[in-house]
Amino acid sequence: MKKLITLITLLFATSTYADHLTSPGNVWFQEVPILCGTPEKIQAYTDHMNLDPVNISLGREGMKVNGEPVYMVTYYISKDGTQSAATIDVPDGSERCVLFHSFDLTSVQ
């Protein structure tokens, strides 16, 4: 788990210095509780919570479209449409983490 947290921290720290981005002002890292486990355990969690994957995307090195893939994000919505969640996987496949699981989902479109 420390390896995943270090990877996420490095990715965000690297993005802070990306030359193609401008700073919107003062920003900082905040400790956010995330739920981590083996891919099988997190799959059991999403199944238990009736969450279905709806989108998958790749995070790429340096936040560049042609960068090497460094993580994968899967976005879920509950079967009843009231909850959302996102998970992150790293290439070695040993861990998966739920970045958030939120409730009272409302469409803004």
N, C-alpha and C. Protein backbone atom coordinates (compact mmCIF):
# COMPACT_ATOMS: atom_id res chain seq x y z
N MET A 1 0.81 -1.17 0.00
CA MET A 1 0.00 0.00 0.00
C MET A 1 0.87 1.25 0.00
N LYS A 2 1.98 1.23 0.74
CA LYS A 2 2.87 2.40 0.76
C LYS A 2 3.39 2.69 -0.64
N LYS A 3 3.61 1.62 -1.43
CA LYS A 3 4.09 1.79 -2.80
C LYS A 3 3.06 2.55 -3.63
N LEU A 4 1.77 2.23 -3.49
CA LEU A 4 0.71 2.89 -4.24
C LEU A 4 0.57 4.34 -3.81
N ILE A 5 0.60 4.60 -2.51
CA ILE A 5 0.49 5.97 -2.02
C ILE A 5 1.67 6.80 -2.50
N THR A 6 2.86 6.22 -2.48
CA THR A 6 4.05 6.92 -3.00
C THR A 6 3.88 7.23 -4.47
N LEU A 7 3.37 6.27 -5.26
CA LEU A 7 3.16 6.49 -6.69
C LEU A 7 2.18 7.62 -6.92
N ILE A 8 1.06 7.61 -6.20
CA ILE A 8 0.06 8.66 -6.36
C ILE A 8 0.65 10.01 -5.99
N THR A 9 1.37 10.07 -4.87
CA THR A 9 1.99 11.33 -4.44
C THR A 9 2.98 11.84 -5.49
N LEU A 10 3.80 10.94 -6.01
CA LEU A 10 4.77 11.36 -7.04
C LEU A 10 4.07 11.84 -8.29
N LEU A 11 3.01 11.18 -8.68
CA LEU A 11 2.28 11.61 -9.88
C LEU A 11 1.72 13.01 -9.71
N PHE A 12 1.10 13.27 -8.55
CA PHE A 12 0.55 14.59 -8.32
C PHE A 12 1.64 15.63 -8.13
N ALA A 13 2.74 15.27 -7.48
CA ALA A 13 3.85 16.21 -7.31
C ALA A 13 4.46 16.54 -8.66
N THR A 14 4.60 15.52 -9.51
CA THR A 14 5.13 15.75 -10.86
C THR A 14 4.21 16.66 -11.65
N SER A 15 2.89 16.44 -11.52
CA SER A 15 1.96 17.25 -12.29
C SER A 15 2.00 18.72 -11.87
N THR A 16 2.39 18.98 -10.63
CA THR A 16 2.48 20.35 -10.16
C THR A 16 3.51 21.14 -10.96
N TYR A 17 4.55 20.46 -11.42
CA TYR A 17 5.61 21.14 -12.15
C TYR A 17 5.50 20.95 -13.66
N ALA A 18 4.41 20.37 -14.15
CA ALA A 18 4.26 20.16 -15.59
C ALA A 18 4.26 21.51 -16.29
N ASP A 19 5.05 21.63 -17.34
CA ASP A 19 5.20 22.91 -18.01
C ASP A 19 3.97 23.33 -18.80
N HIS A 20 3.07 22.40 -19.09
CA HIS A 20 1.89 22.75 -19.86
C HIS A 20 0.71 23.15 -18.97
N LEU A 21 0.91 23.19 -17.66
CA LEU A 21 -0.15 23.57 -16.75
C LEU A 21 0.19 24.89 -16.07
N THR A 22 -0.84 25.65 -15.76
CA THR A 22 -0.63 26.85 -14.96
C THR A 22 -1.34 26.66 -13.64
N SER A 23 -0.79 27.22 -12.60
CA SER A 23 -1.34 27.07 -11.25
C SER A 23 -2.56 27.96 -11.09
N PRO A 24 -3.66 27.38 -10.54
CA PRO A 24 -4.85 28.20 -10.29
C PRO A 24 -4.74 28.98 -8.98
N GLY A 25 -3.62 28.92 -8.34
CA GLY A 25 -3.43 29.59 -7.05
C GLY A 25 -2.79 28.63 -6.07
N ASN A 26 -2.96 28.92 -4.79
CA ASN A 26 -2.39 28.06 -3.76
C ASN A 26 -3.11 26.72 -3.74
N VAL A 27 -2.36 25.65 -3.83
CA VAL A 27 -2.90 24.29 -3.74
C VAL A 27 -2.05 23.49 -2.77
N TRP A 28 -2.60 22.43 -2.21
CA TRP A 28 -1.85 21.62 -1.27
C TRP A 28 -2.39 20.20 -1.28
N PHE A 29 -1.58 19.28 -0.76
CA PHE A 29 -2.01 17.90 -0.59
C PHE A 29 -2.83 17.79 0.69
N GLN A 30 -3.84 16.96 0.63
CA GLN A 30 -4.69 16.71 1.79
C GLN A 30 -4.76 15.21 2.00
N GLU A 31 -4.75 14.78 3.24
CA GLU A 31 -4.89 13.36 3.50
C GLU A 31 -6.34 12.97 3.24
N VAL A 32 -6.53 11.97 2.38
CA VAL A 32 -7.85 11.49 2.03
C VAL A 32 -7.90 10.00 2.36
N PRO A 33 -8.94 9.57 3.08
CA PRO A 33 -9.02 8.13 3.37
C PRO A 33 -9.37 7.35 2.11
N ILE A 34 -8.58 6.35 1.80
CA ILE A 34 -8.88 5.47 0.68
C ILE A 34 -8.87 4.04 1.19
N LEU A 35 -9.59 3.18 0.49
CA LEU A 35 -9.73 1.79 0.87
C LEU A 35 -8.92 0.95 -0.11
N CYS A 36 -7.94 0.19 0.37
CA CYS A 36 -7.08 -0.60 -0.51
C CYS A 36 -7.13 -2.08 -0.15
N GLY A 37 -6.87 -2.91 -1.13
CA GLY A 37 -6.78 -4.35 -0.92
C GLY A 37 -6.37 -5.03 -2.21
N THR A 38 -6.44 -6.34 -2.21
CA THR A 38 -6.15 -7.06 -3.45
C THR A 38 -7.26 -6.75 -4.45
N PRO A 39 -6.98 -6.87 -5.74
CA PRO A 39 -8.04 -6.65 -6.73
C PRO A 39 -9.29 -7.49 -6.45
N GLU A 40 -9.09 -8.72 -5.99
CA GLU A 40 -10.23 -9.59 -5.71
C GLU A 40 -11.08 -9.06 -4.54
N LYS A 41 -10.43 -8.56 -3.51
CA LYS A 41 -11.16 -8.02 -2.36
C LYS A 41 -11.92 -6.75 -2.73
N ILE A 42 -11.30 -5.89 -3.51
CA ILE A 42 -11.99 -4.65 -3.92
C ILE A 42 -13.12 -4.99 -4.89
N GLN A 43 -12.93 -5.99 -5.74
CA GLN A 43 -14.02 -6.43 -6.62
C GLN A 43 -15.20 -6.93 -5.78
N ALA A 44 -14.91 -7.67 -4.71
CA ALA A 44 -15.97 -8.14 -3.82
C ALA A 44 -16.71 -6.96 -3.19
N TYR A 45 -15.96 -5.89 -2.84
CA TYR A 45 -16.57 -4.69 -2.28
C TYR A 45 -17.50 -4.04 -3.29
N THR A 46 -17.03 -3.82 -4.52
CA THR A 46 -17.87 -3.16 -5.53
C THR A 46 -19.08 -4.02 -5.86
N ASP A 47 -18.92 -5.33 -5.90
CA ASP A 47 -20.06 -6.22 -6.13
C ASP A 47 -21.07 -6.11 -4.99
N HIS A 48 -20.58 -6.15 -3.76
CA HIS A 48 -21.44 -6.06 -2.59
C HIS A 48 -22.22 -4.74 -2.56
N MET A 49 -21.58 -3.66 -3.01
CA MET A 49 -22.23 -2.35 -3.01
C MET A 49 -23.05 -2.10 -4.27
N ASN A 50 -23.16 -3.13 -5.13
CA ASN A 50 -23.94 -3.02 -6.38
C ASN A 50 -23.44 -1.91 -7.30
N LEU A 51 -22.12 -1.80 -7.41
CA LEU A 51 -21.49 -0.81 -8.27
C LEU A 51 -21.05 -1.46 -9.58
N ASP A 52 -21.42 -0.86 -10.69
CA ASP A 52 -21.04 -1.36 -12.01
C ASP A 52 -20.02 -0.43 -12.64
N PRO A 53 -18.96 -0.98 -13.25
CA PRO A 53 -17.99 -0.11 -13.94
C PRO A 53 -18.63 0.50 -15.18
N VAL A 54 -18.41 1.81 -15.36
CA VAL A 54 -18.97 2.49 -16.53
C VAL A 54 -17.88 3.13 -17.40
N ASN A 55 -16.72 3.46 -16.82
CA ASN A 55 -15.62 4.07 -17.58
C ASN A 55 -14.30 3.53 -17.06
N ILE A 56 -13.35 3.37 -17.96
CA ILE A 56 -11.98 3.01 -17.60
C ILE A 56 -11.06 3.95 -18.36
N SER A 57 -10.06 4.49 -17.68
CA SER A 57 -9.10 5.36 -18.35
C SER A 57 -7.71 5.14 -17.77
N LEU A 58 -6.70 5.59 -18.51
CA LEU A 58 -5.31 5.43 -18.09
C LEU A 58 -4.72 6.75 -17.64
N GLY A 59 -4.02 6.71 -16.52
CA GLY A 59 -3.19 7.83 -16.11
C GLY A 59 -1.83 7.63 -16.75
N ARG A 60 -1.31 8.65 -17.35
CA ARG A 60 -0.05 8.53 -18.09
C ARG A 60 1.04 9.39 -17.47
N GLU A 61 2.26 8.91 -17.62
CA GLU A 61 3.43 9.58 -17.06
C GLU A 61 3.49 11.03 -17.50
N GLY A 62 3.73 11.91 -16.52
CA GLY A 62 3.85 13.34 -16.80
C GLY A 62 2.55 14.00 -17.18
N MET A 63 1.43 13.30 -16.99
CA MET A 63 0.12 13.82 -17.40
C MET A 63 0.12 14.24 -18.86
N LYS A 64 0.79 13.44 -19.69
CA LYS A 64 0.87 13.73 -21.13
C LYS A 64 0.18 12.61 -21.89
N VAL A 65 -0.54 12.98 -22.93
CA VAL A 65 -1.34 12.03 -23.69
C VAL A 65 -0.51 10.88 -24.25
N ASN A 66 0.76 11.12 -24.53
CA ASN A 66 1.61 10.07 -25.09
C ASN A 66 2.57 9.47 -24.05
N GLY A 67 2.37 9.80 -22.78
CA GLY A 67 3.22 9.24 -21.72
C GLY A 67 2.92 7.77 -21.51
N GLU A 68 3.85 7.09 -20.87
CA GLU A 68 3.65 5.67 -20.55
C GLU A 68 2.52 5.52 -19.53
N PRO A 69 1.67 4.51 -19.68
CA PRO A 69 0.63 4.28 -18.67
C PRO A 69 1.26 3.96 -17.31
N VAL A 70 0.78 4.62 -16.27
CA VAL A 70 1.31 4.37 -14.93
C VAL A 70 0.22 3.93 -13.94
N TYR A 71 -1.04 4.13 -14.28
CA TYR A 71 -2.13 3.62 -13.46
C TYR A 71 -3.41 3.58 -14.29
N MET A 72 -4.41 2.87 -13.78
CA MET A 72 -5.70 2.78 -14.46
C MET A 72 -6.79 3.18 -13.47
N VAL A 73 -7.72 4.00 -13.92
CA VAL A 73 -8.85 4.42 -13.10
C VAL A 73 -10.11 3.80 -13.67
N THR A 74 -10.92 3.23 -12.78
CA THR A 74 -12.22 2.69 -13.17
C THR A 74 -13.28 3.47 -12.40
N TYR A 75 -14.28 3.96 -13.12
CA TYR A 75 -15.36 4.73 -12.52
C TYR A 75 -16.61 3.86 -12.49
N TYR A 76 -17.30 3.84 -11.36
CA TYR A 76 -18.47 2.99 -11.15
C TYR A 76 -19.69 3.84 -10.82
N ILE A 77 -20.85 3.33 -11.18
CA ILE A 77 -22.13 3.90 -10.76
C ILE A 77 -22.98 2.75 -10.25
N SER A 78 -23.72 2.99 -9.16
CA SER A 78 -24.56 1.94 -8.60
C SER A 78 -25.71 1.61 -9.54
N LYS A 79 -26.23 0.42 -9.38
CA LYS A 79 -27.33 -0.05 -10.22
C LYS A 79 -28.54 0.88 -10.13
N ASP A 80 -28.76 1.49 -8.96
CA ASP A 80 -29.90 2.40 -8.81
C ASP A 80 -29.55 3.85 -9.18
N GLY A 81 -28.29 4.11 -9.57
CA GLY A 81 -27.89 5.43 -10.05
C GLY A 81 -27.70 6.48 -8.97
N THR A 82 -27.61 6.09 -7.70
CA THR A 82 -27.49 7.08 -6.63
C THR A 82 -26.10 7.16 -6.01
N GLN A 83 -25.18 6.28 -6.43
CA GLN A 83 -23.84 6.26 -5.85
C GLN A 83 -22.80 6.21 -6.97
N SER A 84 -21.63 6.71 -6.67
CA SER A 84 -20.50 6.58 -7.60
C SER A 84 -19.25 6.24 -6.81
N ALA A 85 -18.28 5.67 -7.51
CA ALA A 85 -17.02 5.31 -6.89
C ALA A 85 -15.96 5.27 -7.98
N ALA A 86 -14.71 5.34 -7.57
CA ALA A 86 -13.59 5.20 -8.50
C ALA A 86 -12.50 4.37 -7.84
N THR A 87 -11.88 3.52 -8.65
CA THR A 87 -10.75 2.73 -8.16
C THR A 87 -9.53 3.06 -9.00
N ILE A 88 -8.37 2.78 -8.42
CA ILE A 88 -7.10 2.95 -9.12
C ILE A 88 -6.31 1.66 -9.02
N ASP A 89 -5.73 1.24 -10.13
CA ASP A 89 -4.87 0.05 -10.20
C ASP A 89 -3.50 0.49 -10.70
N VAL A 90 -2.46 -0.13 -10.17
CA VAL A 90 -1.11 0.11 -10.66
C VAL A 90 -0.70 -1.07 -11.54
N PRO A 91 0.29 -0.88 -12.42
CA PRO A 91 0.63 -1.92 -13.39
C PRO A 91 0.98 -3.29 -12.84
N ASP A 92 1.58 -3.39 -11.65
CA ASP A 92 1.95 -4.72 -11.18
C ASP A 92 0.75 -5.55 -10.73
N GLY A 93 -0.42 -4.92 -10.57
CA GLY A 93 -1.64 -5.64 -10.29
C GLY A 93 -1.79 -6.20 -8.89
N SER A 94 -0.93 -5.81 -7.96
CA SER A 94 -1.00 -6.38 -6.62
C SER A 94 -1.99 -5.66 -5.71
N GLU A 95 -2.35 -4.42 -6.05
CA GLU A 95 -3.26 -3.64 -5.22
C GLU A 95 -4.28 -2.92 -6.08
N ARG A 96 -5.42 -2.69 -5.48
CA ARG A 96 -6.44 -1.83 -6.06
C ARG A 96 -6.97 -0.99 -4.90
N CYS A 97 -7.23 0.28 -5.16
CA CYS A 97 -7.74 1.15 -4.10
C CYS A 97 -9.00 1.86 -4.57
N VAL A 98 -9.96 2.00 -3.64
CA VAL A 98 -11.15 2.81 -3.87
C VAL A 98 -10.78 4.23 -3.45
N LEU A 99 -10.73 5.13 -4.43
CA LEU A 99 -10.37 6.52 -4.15
C LEU A 99 -11.51 7.28 -3.50
N PHE A 100 -12.72 6.97 -3.91
CA PHE A 100 -13.90 7.55 -3.27
C PHE A 100 -15.09 6.66 -3.52
N HIS A 101 -16.05 6.74 -2.64
CA HIS A 101 -17.37 6.12 -2.80
C HIS A 101 -18.33 7.16 -2.28
N SER A 102 -19.07 7.79 -3.18
CA SER A 102 -19.93 8.90 -2.79
C SER A 102 -21.40 8.55 -3.02
N PHE A 103 -22.27 9.32 -2.38
CA PHE A 103 -23.69 9.04 -2.37
C PHE A 103 -24.47 10.26 -2.88
N ASP A 104 -25.76 10.10 -3.07
CA ASP A 104 -26.64 11.17 -3.55
C ASP A 104 -26.19 11.70 -4.91
N LEU A 105 -25.84 10.80 -5.80
CA LEU A 105 -25.37 11.18 -7.14
C LEU A 105 -26.48 11.89 -7.91
N THR A 106 -26.13 13.03 -8.48
CA THR A 106 -27.05 13.84 -9.26
C THR A 106 -26.40 14.20 -10.57
N SER A 107 -27.11 14.04 -11.66
CA SER A 107 -26.59 14.42 -12.98
C SER A 107 -26.75 15.93 -13.16
N VAL A 108 -25.73 16.57 -13.71
CA VAL A 108 -25.79 18.01 -13.96
C VAL A 108 -26.01 18.34 -15.42
N GLN A 109 -26.25 17.34 -16.22
CA GLN A 109 -26.49 17.57 -17.66
C GLN A 109 -27.95 17.66 -17.97
